[in-house]
């Protein structure tokens, strides 16, 4: 029994060492194949060709969109920007209307208070009496 446990541990250690060695060799192999300058040059060339093709395709779509009357990606983006701007302006107008309504309510309350009515009446009486004294 004790012998089989030692044997199992030794087998596991051997598998672990072998796995580590295989992993290291595989990583080195991958890095060596990736670090080649030819691969990067090829990728750069392909991406430039793809970008040029996409630009030509986009120009063709823009040209076709006029007679066929369909929106382009640029048209949709511009419409989205205008929608956002309109929403922002509506929010500002809404805030101003709310502030104006609050101001009107405050004026109504102030005009409805008895103290304000008395002071307005006194001012009117004093101004009318000073006008009649000046006549």
Protein backbone atom coordinates (compact mmCIF):
# COMPACT_ATOMS: atom_id res chain seq x y z
CA UNK A 1 0.00 0.00 0.00
CA UNK A 2 2.78 2.45 0.98
CA UNK A 3 4.67 1.49 -2.13
CA UNK A 4 1.72 2.29 -4.44
CA UNK A 5 1.33 5.79 -2.88
CA UNK A 6 5.02 6.55 -3.51
CA UNK A 7 4.73 5.14 -6.99
CA UNK A 8 1.64 7.31 -7.68
CA UNK A 9 3.37 10.45 -6.36
CA UNK A 10 6.43 9.77 -8.47
CA UNK A 11 4.23 9.25 -11.53
CA UNK A 12 2.39 12.53 -10.85
CA UNK A 13 5.68 14.40 -10.44
CA UNK A 14 6.96 12.97 -13.73
CA UNK A 15 3.72 14.00 -15.51
CA UNK A 16 3.98 17.49 -13.98
CA UNK A 17 7.60 17.91 -15.16
CA UNK A 18 6.74 16.64 -18.62
CA UNK A 19 3.69 18.94 -18.83
CA UNK A 20 5.76 21.95 -17.77
CA UNK A 21 8.41 21.12 -20.37
CA UNK A 22 5.82 20.67 -23.15
CA UNK A 23 4.09 23.93 -22.16
CA UNK A 24 7.38 25.86 -22.24
CA UNK A 25 8.33 24.42 -25.63
CA UNK A 26 4.89 25.16 -27.04
CA UNK A 27 5.03 28.78 -25.78
CA UNK A 28 8.47 29.24 -27.32
CA UNK A 29 7.24 27.80 -30.61
CA UNK A 30 4.23 30.13 -30.66
CA UNK A 31 6.36 33.17 -29.80
CA UNK A 32 8.92 32.30 -32.47
CA UNK A 33 6.25 31.96 -35.13
CA UNK A 34 4.50 35.19 -34.08
CA UNK A 35 7.64 37.30 -33.78
CA UNK A 36 8.43 37.03 -37.46
CA UNK A 37 8.58 40.37 -39.25
CA UNK A 38 7.06 38.86 -42.40
CA UNK A 39 3.80 38.19 -40.59
CA UNK A 40 3.51 41.81 -39.45
CA UNK A 41 4.34 43.15 -42.90
CA UNK A 42 1.73 40.85 -44.42
CA UNK A 43 -0.88 41.95 -41.89
CA UNK A 44 -0.12 45.63 -42.50
CA UNK A 45 -0.40 45.18 -46.25
CA UNK A 46 -3.68 43.29 -45.92
CA UNK A 47 -5.16 45.88 -43.58
CA UNK A 48 -4.20 48.72 -45.94
CA UNK A 49 -5.80 46.88 -48.87
CA UNK A 50 -8.91 46.17 -46.81
CA UNK A 51 -9.16 49.82 -45.70
CA UNK A 52 -8.84 51.06 -49.29
CA UNK A 53 -11.50 48.58 -50.45
CA UNK A 54 -13.86 49.65 -47.69
CA UNK A 55 -13.36 53.33 -48.56
CA UNK A 56 -14.15 52.64 -52.24
CA UNK A 57 -17.21 50.64 -51.22
CA UNK A 58 -18.42 53.44 -48.96
CA UNK A 59 -17.97 55.97 -51.78
CA UNK A 60 -19.93 53.69 -54.14
CA UNK A 61 -22.74 53.41 -51.61
CA UNK A 62 -22.79 57.20 -51.18
CA UNK A 63 -23.04 57.59 -54.95
CA UNK A 64 -25.82 55.02 -55.27
CA UNK A 65 -27.78 56.45 -52.38
CA UNK A 66 -28.65 59.63 -54.28
CA UNK A 67 -30.58 58.14 -57.23
CA UNK A 68 -31.92 55.22 -55.18
CA UNK A 69 -32.97 57.54 -52.35
CA UNK A 70 -31.82 55.54 -49.32
CA UNK A 71 -29.97 56.89 -46.28
CA UNK A 72 -26.27 56.27 -45.86
CA UNK A 73 -24.39 55.63 -42.65
CA UNK A 74 -23.37 59.31 -42.63
CA UNK A 75 -27.00 60.40 -43.07
CA UNK A 76 -28.11 58.26 -40.14
CA UNK A 77 -25.26 59.57 -37.96
CA UNK A 78 -26.17 63.17 -38.81
CA UNK A 79 -29.83 62.52 -38.06
CA UNK A 80 -28.88 61.01 -34.71
CA UNK A 81 -26.77 64.07 -33.85
CA UNK A 82 -29.64 66.40 -34.76
CA UNK A 83 -32.04 64.34 -32.64
CA UNK A 84 -29.73 64.59 -29.63
CA UNK A 85 -29.38 68.36 -30.14
CA UNK A 86 -33.16 68.75 -30.39
CA UNK A 87 -33.66 66.74 -27.19
CA UNK A 88 -31.13 68.91 -25.36
CA UNK A 89 -32.89 72.08 -26.54
CA UNK A 90 -36.28 70.68 -25.50
CA UNK A 91 -34.88 69.91 -22.04
CA UNK A 92 -33.64 73.51 -21.71
CA UNK A 93 -37.01 74.89 -22.81
CA UNK A 94 -38.76 72.56 -20.36
CA UNK A 95 -36.55 73.79 -17.51
CA UNK A 96 -37.26 77.43 -18.42
CA UNK A 97 -41.02 76.81 -18.58
CA UNK A 98 -40.95 75.16 -15.15
CA UNK A 99 -38.96 78.08 -13.70
CA UNK A 100 -41.39 80.56 -15.28
CA UNK A 101 -44.39 78.68 -13.87
CA UNK A 102 -42.82 78.71 -10.41
CA UNK A 103 -42.19 82.44 -10.70
CA UNK A 104 -45.82 83.02 -11.68
CA UNK A 105 -47.00 80.99 -8.69
CA UNK A 106 -44.80 83.06 -6.38
CA UNK A 107 -46.19 86.28 -7.87
CA UNK A 108 -49.76 84.99 -7.44
CA UNK A 109 -49.08 84.12 -3.80
CA UNK A 110 -47.45 87.49 -3.20
CA UNK A 111 -50.37 89.35 -4.79
CA UNK A 112 -52.83 87.27 -2.80
CA UNK A 113 -51.24 88.07 0.59
CA UNK A 114 -53.05 90.71 2.69
CA UNK A 115 -49.82 92.50 3.66
CA UNK A 116 -48.94 93.15 0.03
CA UNK A 117 -52.46 94.40 -0.69
CA UNK A 118 -52.26 96.86 2.20
CA UNK A 119 -48.86 98.18 1.17
CA UNK A 120 -50.03 98.56 -2.46
CA UNK A 121 -53.18 100.38 -1.27
CA UNK A 122 -51.07 102.70 0.91
CA UNK A 123 -48.72 103.44 -1.97
CA UNK A 124 -51.63 104.18 -4.26
CA UNK A 125 -53.21 106.47 -1.66
CA UNK A 126 -49.95 108.31 -0.98
CA UNK A 127 -49.21 108.74 -4.66
CA UNK A 128 -52.75 109.95 -5.37
CA UNK A 129 -52.65 112.36 -2.41
CA UNK A 130 -49.28 113.74 -3.50
CA UNK A 131 -50.62 114.17 -7.02
CA UNK A 132 -53.69 116.02 -5.76
CA UNK A 133 -51.50 118.19 -3.50
CA UNK A 134 -49.34 119.07 -6.46
CA UNK A 135 -52.36 120.16 -8.50
